[in-house]
PDB file of N, CA and C in Angstrom:
ATOM      1  N   MET A   1       0.833  -1.184   0.000  1.00  0.00           N
ATOM      2  CA  MET A   1       0.000   0.000   0.000  1.00  0.00           C
ATOM      3  C   MET A   1       0.880   1.251   0.000  1.00  0.00           C
ATOM      4  N   SER A   2       0.569   2.205  -0.837  1.00  0.00           N
ATOM      5  CA  SER A   2       1.363   3.427  -0.906  1.00  0.00           C
ATOM      6  C   SER A   2       1.031   4.353   0.269  1.00  0.00           C
ATOM      7  N   ALA A   3       1.919   5.324   0.479  1.00  0.00           N
ATOM      8  CA  ALA A   3       1.752   6.254   1.601  1.00  0.00           C
ATOM      9  C   ALA A   3       0.475   7.076   1.487  1.00  0.00           C
ATOM     10  N   THR A   4      -0.050   7.206   0.282  1.00  0.00           N
ATOM     11  CA  THR A   4      -1.255   8.014   0.109  1.00  0.00           C
ATOM     12  C   THR A   4      -2.477   7.151  -0.157  1.00  0.00           C
ATOM     13  N   SER A   5      -2.401   5.875   0.163  1.00  0.00           N
ATOM     14  CA  SER A   5      -3.546   5.004  -0.076  1.00  0.00           C
ATOM     15  C   SER A   5      -4.718   5.432   0.789  1.00  0.00           C
ATOM     16  N   ARG A   6      -5.913   5.275   0.256  1.00  0.00           N
ATOM     17  CA  ARG A   6      -7.116   5.732   0.960  1.00  0.00           C
ATOM     18  C   ARG A   6      -7.331   5.024   2.278  1.00  0.00           C
ATOM     19  N   GLY A   7      -6.885   3.810   2.420  1.00  0.00           N
ATOM     20  CA  GLY A   7      -7.126   3.061   3.639  1.00  0.00           C
ATOM     21  C   GLY A   7      -6.560   3.701   4.884  1.00  0.00           C
ATOM     22  N   ASN A   8      -5.627   4.616   4.722  1.00  0.00           N
ATOM     23  CA  ASN A   8      -4.964   5.242   5.862  1.00  0.00           C
ATOM     24  C   ASN A   8      -5.219   6.742   5.973  1.00  0.00           C
ATOM     25  N   ARG A   9      -6.080   7.274   5.128  1.00  0.00           N
ATOM     26  CA  ARG A   9      -6.273   8.720   5.102  1.00  0.00           C
ATOM     27  C   ARG A   9      -7.427   9.153   5.990  1.00  0.00           C
ATOM     28  N   VAL A  10      -7.232  10.316   6.632  1.00  0.00           N
ATOM     29  CA  VAL A  10      -8.252  10.906   7.485  1.00  0.00           C
ATOM     30  C   VAL A  10      -8.487  12.347   7.056  1.00  0.00           C
ATOM     31  N   ILE A  11      -9.683  12.823   7.355  1.00  0.00           N
ATOM     32  CA  ILE A  11     -10.047  14.216   7.110  1.00  0.00           C
ATOM     33  C   ILE A  11     -10.167  14.893   8.476  1.00  0.00           C
ATOM     34  N   VAL A  12      -9.470  16.007   8.631  1.00  0.00           N
ATOM     35  CA  VAL A  12      -9.537  16.792   9.865  1.00  0.00           C
ATOM     36  C   VAL A  12     -10.193  18.121   9.504  1.00  0.00           C
ATOM     37  N   SER A  13     -11.302  18.425  10.163  1.00  0.00           N
ATOM     38  CA  SER A  13     -11.959  19.713   9.929  1.00  0.00           C
ATOM     39  C   SER A  13     -11.958  20.516  11.225  1.00  0.00           C
ATOM     40  N   VAL A  14     -11.717  21.817  11.074  1.00  0.00           N
ATOM     41  CA  VAL A  14     -11.583  22.710  12.228  1.00  0.00           C
ATOM     42  C   VAL A  14     -12.458  23.930  11.985  1.00  0.00           C
ATOM     43  N   LEU A  15     -13.212  24.331  13.009  1.00  0.00           N
ATOM     44  CA  LEU A  15     -14.093  25.491  12.891  1.00  0.00           C
ATOM     45  C   LEU A  15     -14.140  26.214  14.233  1.00  0.00           C
ATOM     46  N   GLY A  16     -14.013  27.533  14.174  1.00  0.00           N
ATOM     47  CA  GLY A  16     -14.134  28.312  15.405  1.00  0.00           C
ATOM     48  C   GLY A  16     -13.604  29.714  15.248  1.00  0.00           C
ATOM     49  N   GLN A  17     -13.596  30.444  16.343  1.00  0.00           N
ATOM     50  CA  GLN A  17     -13.104  31.812  16.364  1.00  0.00           C
ATOM     51  C   GLN A  17     -11.614  31.807  16.027  1.00  0.00           C
ATOM     52  N   ASP A  18     -11.210  32.697  15.125  1.00  0.00           N
ATOM     53  CA  ASP A  18      -9.807  32.774  14.729  1.00  0.00           C
ATOM     54  C   ASP A  18      -8.941  33.204  15.909  1.00  0.00           C
ATOM     55  N   ARG A  19      -7.767  32.603  15.998  1.00  0.00           N
ATOM     56  CA  ARG A  19      -6.798  32.975  17.024  1.00  0.00           C
ATOM     57  C   ARG A  19      -5.429  32.463  16.625  1.00  0.00           C
ATOM     58  N   VAL A  20      -4.421  32.970  17.238  1.00  0.00           N
ATOM     59  CA  VAL A  20      -3.050  32.562  16.965  1.00  0.00           C
ATOM     60  C   VAL A  20      -2.834  31.116  17.415  1.00  0.00           C
ATOM     61  N   GLY A  21      -2.161  30.328  16.605  1.00  0.00           N
ATOM     62  CA  GLY A  21      -1.729  28.998  17.012  1.00  0.00           C
ATOM     63  C   GLY A  21      -2.609  27.834  16.605  1.00  0.00           C
ATOM     64  N   ILE A  22      -3.679  28.080  15.875  1.00  0.00           N
ATOM     65  CA  ILE A  22      -4.571  26.973  15.507  1.00  0.00           C
ATOM     66  C   ILE A  22      -3.844  25.966  14.623  1.00  0.00           C
ATOM     67  N   ILE A  23      -3.264  26.439  13.531  1.00  0.00           N
ATOM     68  CA  ILE A  23      -2.581  25.525  12.615  1.00  0.00           C
ATOM     69  C   ILE A  23      -1.405  24.857  13.321  1.00  0.00           C
ATOM     70  N   ALA A  24      -0.687  25.611  14.123  1.00  0.00           N
ATOM     71  CA  ALA A  24       0.446  25.043  14.862  1.00  0.00           C
ATOM     72  C   ALA A  24      -0.007  23.930  15.799  1.00  0.00           C
ATOM     73  N   GLY A  25      -1.126  24.133  16.485  1.00  0.00           N
ATOM     74  CA  GLY A  25      -1.628  23.118  17.408  1.00  0.00           C
ATOM     75  C   GLY A  25      -2.037  21.842  16.708  1.00  0.00           C
ATOM     76  N   VAL A  26      -2.806  21.988  15.630  1.00  0.00           N
ATOM     77  CA  VAL A  26      -3.273  20.814  14.888  1.00  0.00           C
ATOM     78  C   VAL A  26      -2.105  20.093  14.234  1.00  0.00           C
ATOM     79  N   SER A  27      -1.263  20.842  13.526  1.00  0.00           N
ATOM     80  CA  SER A  27      -0.145  20.202  12.831  1.00  0.00           C
ATOM     81  C   SER A  27       0.870  19.631  13.819  1.00  0.00           C
ATOM     82  N   GLY A  28       0.982  20.237  14.997  1.00  0.00           N
ATOM     83  CA  GLY A  28       1.887  19.716  16.015  1.00  0.00           C
ATOM     84  C   GLY A  28       1.473  18.331  16.483  1.00  0.00           C
ATOM     85  N   ILE A  29       0.184  18.141  16.727  1.00  0.00           N
ATOM     86  CA  ILE A  29      -0.313  16.822  17.127  1.00  0.00           C
ATOM     87  C   ILE A  29      -0.044  15.800  16.026  1.00  0.00           C
ATOM     88  N   LEU A  30      -0.296  16.192  14.788  1.00  0.00           N
ATOM     89  CA  LEU A  30      -0.048  15.278  13.673  1.00  0.00           C
ATOM     90  C   LEU A  30       1.436  14.921  13.584  1.00  0.00           C
ATOM     91  N   ALA A  31       2.302  15.917  13.658  1.00  0.00           N
ATOM     92  CA  ALA A  31       3.740  15.675  13.558  1.00  0.00           C
ATOM     93  C   ALA A  31       4.249  14.802  14.703  1.00  0.00           C
ATOM     94  N   GLU A  32       3.800  15.077  15.922  1.00  0.00           N
ATOM     95  CA  GLU A  32       4.228  14.292  17.086  1.00  0.00           C
ATOM     96  C   GLU A  32       3.895  12.814  16.936  1.00  0.00           C
ATOM     97  N   ASN A  33       2.866  12.522  16.151  1.00  0.00           N
ATOM     98  CA  ASN A  33       2.398  11.147  16.000  1.00  0.00           C
ATOM     99  C   ASN A  33       2.691  10.566  14.624  1.00  0.00           C
ATOM    100  N   ASN A  34       3.615  11.218  13.905  1.00  0.00           N
ATOM    101  CA  ASN A  34       4.105  10.733  12.611  1.00  0.00           C
ATOM    102  C   ASN A  34       2.979  10.600  11.581  1.00  0.00           C
ATOM    103  N   ILE A  35       2.088  11.585  11.577  1.00  0.00           N
ATOM    104  CA  ILE A  35       0.974  11.625  10.632  1.00  0.00           C
ATOM    105  C   ILE A  35       1.269  12.726   9.623  1.00  0.00           C
ATOM    106  N   ASN A  36       1.287  12.370   8.345  1.00  0.00           N
ATOM    107  CA  ASN A  36       1.690  13.281   7.283  1.00  0.00           C
ATOM    108  C   ASN A  36       0.496  14.042   6.703  1.00  0.00           C
ATOM    109  N   ILE A  37       0.616  15.363   6.624  1.00  0.00           N
ATOM    110  CA  ILE A  37      -0.408  16.187   5.981  1.00  0.00           C
ATOM    111  C   ILE A  37      -0.209  16.098   4.472  1.00  0.00           C
ATOM    112  N   LEU A  38      -1.259  15.677   3.769  1.00  0.00           N
ATOM    113  CA  LEU A  38      -1.202  15.541   2.313  1.00  0.00           C
ATOM    114  C   LEU A  38      -1.728  16.778   1.608  1.00  0.00           C
ATOM    115  N   ASP A  39      -2.754  17.400   2.174  1.00  0.00           N
ATOM    116  CA  ASP A  39      -3.354  18.584   1.570  1.00  0.00           C
ATOM    117  C   ASP A  39      -4.029  19.378   2.678  1.00  0.00           C
ATOM    118  N   ILE A  40      -4.034  20.687   2.526  1.00  0.00           N
ATOM    119  CA  ILE A  40      -4.627  21.535   3.557  1.00  0.00           C
ATOM    120  C   ILE A  40      -5.219  22.787   2.916  1.00  0.00           C
ATOM    121  N   SER A  41      -6.356  23.197   3.429  1.00  0.00           N
ATOM    122  CA  SER A  41      -6.995  24.431   2.989  1.00  0.00           C
ATOM    123  C   SER A  41      -7.560  25.119   4.216  1.00  0.00           C
ATOM    124  N   GLN A  42      -7.307  26.416   4.328  1.00  0.00           N
ATOM    125  CA  GLN A  42      -7.857  27.147   5.462  1.00  0.00           C
ATOM    126  C   GLN A  42      -8.201  28.551   5.023  1.00  0.00           C
ATOM    127  N   THR A  43      -9.174  29.107   5.706  1.00  0.00           N
ATOM    128  CA  THR A  43      -9.569  30.489   5.448  1.00  0.00           C
ATOM    129  C   THR A  43     -10.182  31.065   6.722  1.00  0.00           C
ATOM    130  N   THR A  44     -10.226  32.362   6.758  1.00  0.00           N
ATOM    131  CA  THR A  44     -10.905  33.061   7.847  1.00  0.00           C
ATOM    132  C   THR A  44     -11.966  33.952   7.219  1.00  0.00           C
ATOM    133  N   MET A  45     -13.196  33.776   7.671  1.00  0.00           N
ATOM    134  CA  MET A  45     -14.312  34.573   7.160  1.00  0.00           C
ATOM    135  C   MET A  45     -14.923  35.346   8.309  1.00  0.00           C
ATOM    136  N   GLN A  46     -14.748  36.665   8.284  1.00  0.00           N
ATOM    137  CA  GLN A  46     -15.286  37.544   9.314  1.00  0.00           C
ATOM    138  C   GLN A  46     -14.956  37.048  10.724  1.00  0.00           C
ATOM    139  N   GLY A  47     -13.705  36.661  10.915  1.00  0.00           N
ATOM    140  CA  GLY A  47     -13.232  36.236  12.223  1.00  0.00           C
ATOM    141  C   GLY A  47     -13.461  34.770  12.556  1.00  0.00           C
ATOM    142  N   ILE A  48     -14.125  34.048  11.663  1.00  0.00           N
ATOM    143  CA  ILE A  48     -14.363  32.618  11.874  1.00  0.00           C
ATOM    144  C   ILE A  48     -13.327  31.835  11.073  1.00  0.00           C
ATOM    145  N   PHE A  49     -12.565  31.017  11.766  1.00  0.00           N
ATOM    146  CA  PHE A  49     -11.511  30.207  11.149  1.00  0.00           C
ATOM    147  C   PHE A  49     -12.096  28.879  10.685  1.00  0.00           C
ATOM    148  N   THR A  50     -11.780  28.488   9.461  1.00  0.00           N
ATOM    149  CA  THR A  50     -12.169  27.181   8.951  1.00  0.00           C
ATOM    150  C   THR A  50     -10.949  26.529   8.298  1.00  0.00           C
ATOM    151  N   MET A  51     -10.799  25.246   8.544  1.00  0.00           N
ATOM    152  CA  MET A  51      -9.695  24.510   7.939  1.00  0.00           C
ATOM    153  C   MET A  51     -10.138  23.077   7.714  1.00  0.00           C
ATOM    154  N   ILE A  52      -9.696  22.526   6.600  1.00  0.00           N
ATOM    155  CA  ILE A  52      -9.880  21.107   6.349  1.00  0.00           C
ATOM    156  C   ILE A  52      -8.553  20.586   5.811  1.00  0.00           C
ATOM    157  N   LEU A  53      -8.168  19.424   6.303  1.00  0.00           N
ATOM    158  CA  LEU A  53      -6.934  18.845   5.799  1.00  0.00           C
ATOM    159  C   LEU A  53      -7.099  17.344   5.629  1.00  0.00           C
ATOM    160  N   ILE A  54      -6.305  16.808   4.729  1.00  0.00           N
ATOM    161  CA  ILE A  54      -6.246  15.367   4.501  1.00  0.00           C
ATOM    162  C   ILE A  54      -4.883  14.923   4.994  1.00  0.00           C
ATOM    163  N   ALA A  55      -4.872  13.881   5.798  1.00  0.00           N
ATOM    164  CA  ALA A  55      -3.618  13.380   6.359  1.00  0.00           C
ATOM    165  C   ALA A  55      -3.521  11.872   6.190  1.00  0.00           C
ATOM    166  N   ASP A  56      -2.299  11.401   6.130  1.00  0.00           N
ATOM    167  CA  ASP A  56      -2.017   9.975   5.963  1.00  0.00           C
ATOM    168  C   ASP A  56      -1.520   9.400   7.291  1.00  0.00           C
ATOM    169  N   MET A  57      -2.213   8.377   7.789  1.00  0.00           N
ATOM    170  CA  MET A  57      -1.859   7.761   9.070  1.00  0.00           C
ATOM    171  C   MET A  57      -1.066   6.460   8.930  1.00  0.00           C
ATOM    172  N   GLU A  58      -0.586   6.158   7.740  1.00  0.00           N
ATOM    173  CA  GLU A  58       0.088   4.878   7.520  1.00  0.00           C
ATOM    174  C   GLU A  58       1.256   4.644   8.484  1.00  0.00           C
ATOM    175  N   GLN A  59       2.027   5.675   8.751  1.00  0.00           N
ATOM    176  CA  GLN A  59       3.196   5.547   9.635  1.00  0.00           C
ATOM    177  C   GLN A  59       2.908   6.045  11.056  1.00  0.00           C
ATOM    178  N   SER A  60       1.633   6.234  11.362  1.00  0.00           N
ATOM    179  CA  SER A  60       1.247   6.818  12.642  1.00  0.00           C
ATOM    180  C   SER A  60       1.626   5.943  13.832  1.00  0.00           C
ATOM    181  N   ARG A  61       1.894   6.619  14.925  1.00  0.00           N
ATOM    182  CA  ARG A  61       2.193   5.942  16.196  1.00  0.00           C
ATOM    183  C   ARG A  61       0.926   5.693  17.011  1.00  0.00           C
ATOM    184  N   ILE A  62      -0.210   6.224  16.545  1.00  0.00           N
ATOM    185  CA  ILE A  62      -1.476   6.090  17.272  1.00  0.00           C
ATOM    186  C   ILE A  62      -2.573   5.633  16.313  1.00  0.00           C
ATOM    187  N   ASP A  63      -3.708   5.217  16.881  1.00  0.00           N
ATOM    188  CA  ASP A  63      -4.837   4.825  16.036  1.00  0.00           C
ATOM    189  C   ASP A  63      -5.799   6.010  15.880  1.00  0.00           C
ATOM    190  N   LEU A  64      -6.805   5.826  15.038  1.00  0.00           N
ATOM    191  CA  LEU A  64      -7.753   6.898  14.741  1.00  0.00           C
ATOM    192  C   LEU A  64      -8.480   7.379  16.002  1.00  0.00           C
ATOM    193  N   GLY A  65      -8.908   6.463  16.844  1.00  0.00           N
ATOM    194  CA  GLY A  65      -9.616   6.845  18.069  1.00  0.00           C
ATOM    195  C   GLY A  65      -8.775   7.736  18.972  1.00  0.00           C
ATOM    196  N   THR A  66      -7.508   7.412  19.100  1.00  0.00           N
ATOM    197  CA  THR A  66      -6.612   8.224  19.929  1.00  0.00           C
ATOM    198  C   THR A  66      -6.402   9.596  19.306  1.00  0.00           C
ATOM    199  N   LEU A  67      -6.257   9.644  17.984  1.00  0.00           N
ATOM    200  CA  LEU A  67      -6.111  10.931  17.297  1.00  0.00           C
ATOM    201  C   LEU A  67      -7.358  11.784  17.514  1.00  0.00           C
ATOM    202  N   GLN A  68      -8.535  11.176  17.412  1.00  0.00           N
ATOM    203  CA  GLN A  68      -9.778  11.917  17.642  1.00  0.00           C
ATOM    204  C   GLN A  68      -9.797  12.505  19.048  1.00  0.00           C
ATOM    205  N   GLU A  69      -9.390  11.726  20.040  1.00  0.00           N
ATOM    206  CA  GLU A  69      -9.361  12.213  21.428  1.00  0.00           C
ATOM    207  C   GLU A  69      -8.398  13.378  21.586  1.00  0.00           C
ATOM    208  N   LYS A  70      -7.206  13.261  21.012  1.00  0.00           N
ATOM    209  CA  LYS A  70      -6.202  14.327  21.117  1.00  0.00           C
ATOM    210  C   LYS A  70      -6.707  15.619  20.470  1.00  0.00           C
ATOM    211  N   MET A  71      -7.359  15.506  19.323  1.00  0.00           N
ATOM    212  CA  MET A  71      -7.863  16.698  18.647  1.00  0.00           C
ATOM    213  C   MET A  71      -9.039  17.304  19.402  1.00  0.00           C
ATOM    214  N   GLN A  72      -9.895  16.465  19.992  1.00  0.00           N
ATOM    215  CA  GLN A  72     -11.002  16.997  20.793  1.00  0.00           C
ATOM    216  C   GLN A  72     -10.469  17.739  22.013  1.00  0.00           C
ATOM    217  N   GLU A  73      -9.425  17.210  22.637  1.00  0.00           N
ATOM    218  CA  GLU A  73      -8.803  17.889  23.784  1.00  0.00           C
ATOM    219  C   GLU A  73      -8.257  19.246  23.364  1.00  0.00           C
ATOM    220  N   LEU A  74      -7.559  19.287  22.224  1.00  0.00           N
ATOM    221  CA  LEU A  74      -7.041  20.557  21.721  1.00  0.00           C
ATOM    222  C   LEU A  74      -8.188  21.521  21.451  1.00  0.00           C
ATOM    223  N   GLY A  75      -9.239  21.041  20.813  1.00  0.00           N
ATOM    224  CA  GLY A  75     -10.390  21.885  20.511  1.00  0.00           C
ATOM    225  C   GLY A  75     -10.988  22.504  21.761  1.00  0.00           C
ATOM    226  N   LYS A  76     -11.154  21.700  22.799  1.00  0.00           N
ATOM    227  CA  LYS A  76     -11.695  22.224  24.062  1.00  0.00           C
ATOM    228  C   LYS A  76     -10.766  23.265  24.664  1.00  0.00           C
ATOM    229  N   LYS A  77      -9.477  23.007  24.573  1.00  0.00           N
ATOM    230  CA  LYS A  77      -8.477  23.895  25.164  1.00  0.00           C
ATOM    231  C   LYS A  77      -8.472  25.269  24.495  1.00  0.00           C
ATOM    232  N   ILE A  78      -8.644  25.307  23.165  1.00  0.00           N
ATOM    233  CA  ILE A  78      -8.550  26.584  22.468  1.00  0.00           C
ATOM    234  C   ILE A  78      -9.876  27.056  21.860  1.00  0.00           C
ATOM    235  N   GLY A  79     -10.964  26.399  22.223  1.00  0.00           N
ATOM    236  CA  GLY A  79     -12.291  26.857  21.832  1.00  0.00           C
ATOM    237  C   GLY A  79     -12.664  26.624  20.380  1.00  0.00           C
ATOM    238  N   LEU A  80     -12.327  25.444  19.857  1.00  0.00           N
ATOM    239  CA  LEU A  80     -12.636  25.093  18.474  1.00  0.00           C
ATOM    240  C   LEU A  80     -13.380  23.775  18.398  1.00  0.00           C
ATOM    241  N   LYS A  81     -14.064  23.562  17.296  1.00  0.00           N
ATOM    242  CA  LYS A  81     -14.631  22.248  17.017  1.00  0.00           C
ATOM    243  C   LYS A  81     -13.688  21.578  16.030  1.00  0.00           C
ATOM    244  N   ILE A  82     -13.091  20.468  16.443  1.00  0.00           N
ATOM    245  CA  ILE A  82     -12.169  19.720  15.589  1.00  0.00           C
ATOM    246  C   ILE A  82     -12.727  18.310  15.438  1.00  0.00           C
ATOM    247  N   VAL A  83     -12.962  17.912  14.190  1.00  0.00           N
ATOM    248  CA  VAL A  83     -13.507  16.595  13.894  1.00  0.00           C
ATOM    249  C   VAL A  83     -12.516  15.839  13.022  1.00  0.00           C
ATOM    250  N   VAL A  84     -12.235  14.592  13.403  1.00  0.00           N
ATOM    251  CA  VAL A  84     -11.353  13.725  12.626  1.00  0.00           C
ATOM    252  C   VAL A  84     -12.171  12.520  12.192  1.00  0.00           C
ATOM    253  N   GLN A  85     -12.192  12.276  10.875  1.00  0.00           N
ATOM    254  CA  GLN A  85     -12.949  11.147  10.332  1.00  0.00           C
ATOM    255  C   GLN A  85     -12.088  10.400   9.324  1.00  0.00           C
ATOM    256  N   HIS A  86     -12.290   9.086   9.271  1.00  0.00           N
ATOM    257  CA  HIS A  86     -11.661   8.327   8.203  1.00  0.00           C
ATOM    258  C   HIS A  86     -12.196   8.870   6.888  1.00  0.00           C
ATOM    259  N   GLU A  87     -11.371   8.925   5.858  1.00  0.00           N
ATOM    260  CA  GLU A  87     -11.793   9.504   4.581  1.00  0.00           C
ATOM    261  C   GLU A  87     -13.040   8.825   4.020  1.00  0.00           C
ATOM    262  N   ASP A  88     -13.144   7.512   4.147  1.00  0.00           N
ATOM    263  CA  ASP A  88     -14.312   6.804   3.622  1.00  0.00           C
ATOM    264  C   ASP A  88     -15.598   7.255   4.311  1.00  0.00           C
ATOM    265  N   VAL A  89     -15.551   7.452   5.629  1.00  0.00           N
ATOM    266  CA  VAL A  89     -16.715   7.921   6.386  1.00  0.00           C
ATOM    267  C   VAL A  89     -17.069   9.337   5.958  1.00  0.00           C
ATOM    268  N   PHE A  90     -16.067  10.194   5.835  1.00  0.00           N
ATOM    269  CA  PHE A  90     -16.295  11.565   5.417  1.00  0.00           C
ATOM    270  C   PHE A  90     -16.971  11.602   4.045  1.00  0.00           C
ATOM    271  N   ARG A  91     -16.432  10.847   3.091  1.00  0.00           N
ATOM    272  CA  ARG A  91     -16.995  10.844   1.732  1.00  0.00           C
ATOM    273  C   ARG A  91     -18.429  10.294   1.737  1.00  0.00           C
ATOM    274  N   PHE A  92     -18.689   9.275   2.532  1.00  0.00           N
ATOM    275  CA  PHE A  92     -20.033   8.713   2.603  1.00  0.00           C
ATOM    276  C   PHE A  92     -21.020   9.735   3.157  1.00  0.00           C
ATOM    277  N   MET A  93     -20.631  10.448   4.209  1.00  0.00           N
ATOM    278  CA  MET A  93     -21.510  11.431   4.849  1.00  0.00           C
ATOM    279  C   MET A  93     -21.757  12.658   3.968  1.00  0.00           C
ATOM    280  N   HIS A  94     -20.839  12.965   3.057  1.00  0.00           N
ATOM    281  CA  HIS A  94     -20.944  14.182   2.263  1.00  0.00           C
ATOM    282  C   HIS A  94     -21.162  13.903   0.785  1.00  0.00           C
ATOM    283  N   ARG A  95     -21.698  12.761   0.463  1.00  0.00           N
ATOM    284  CA  ARG A  95     -21.958  12.454  -0.946  1.00  0.00           C
ATOM    285  C   ARG A  95     -23.207  13.193  -1.419  1.00  0.00           C
ATOM    286  N   ILE A  96     -23.223  13.448  -2.696  1.00  0.00           N
ATOM    287  CA  ILE A  96     -24.365  14.179  -3.289  1.00  0.00           C
ATOM    288  C   ILE A  96     -25.378  13.177  -3.788  1.00  0.00           C
TER     289      ILE A  96
END
């Protein structure tokens, strides 16, 4: 399986009041756990920060459930909603 195979990809979405350190916090957790960011998009609209990223967990030191817990803890700490979903679940939930 290649490093970008779908079986190991997750979607991380972030929403909340803009503030310093959001990207650093999210990417720091990913880096600490050997999770590679494949693509990222973020914007701020009238003070509301939004970000979605695709990451590869193939070489990760943790499982999806643990990553979800770590991101939820970060979200609570800095006042954001952070959701981590397996790519297949995300695509199923957002199909047209």
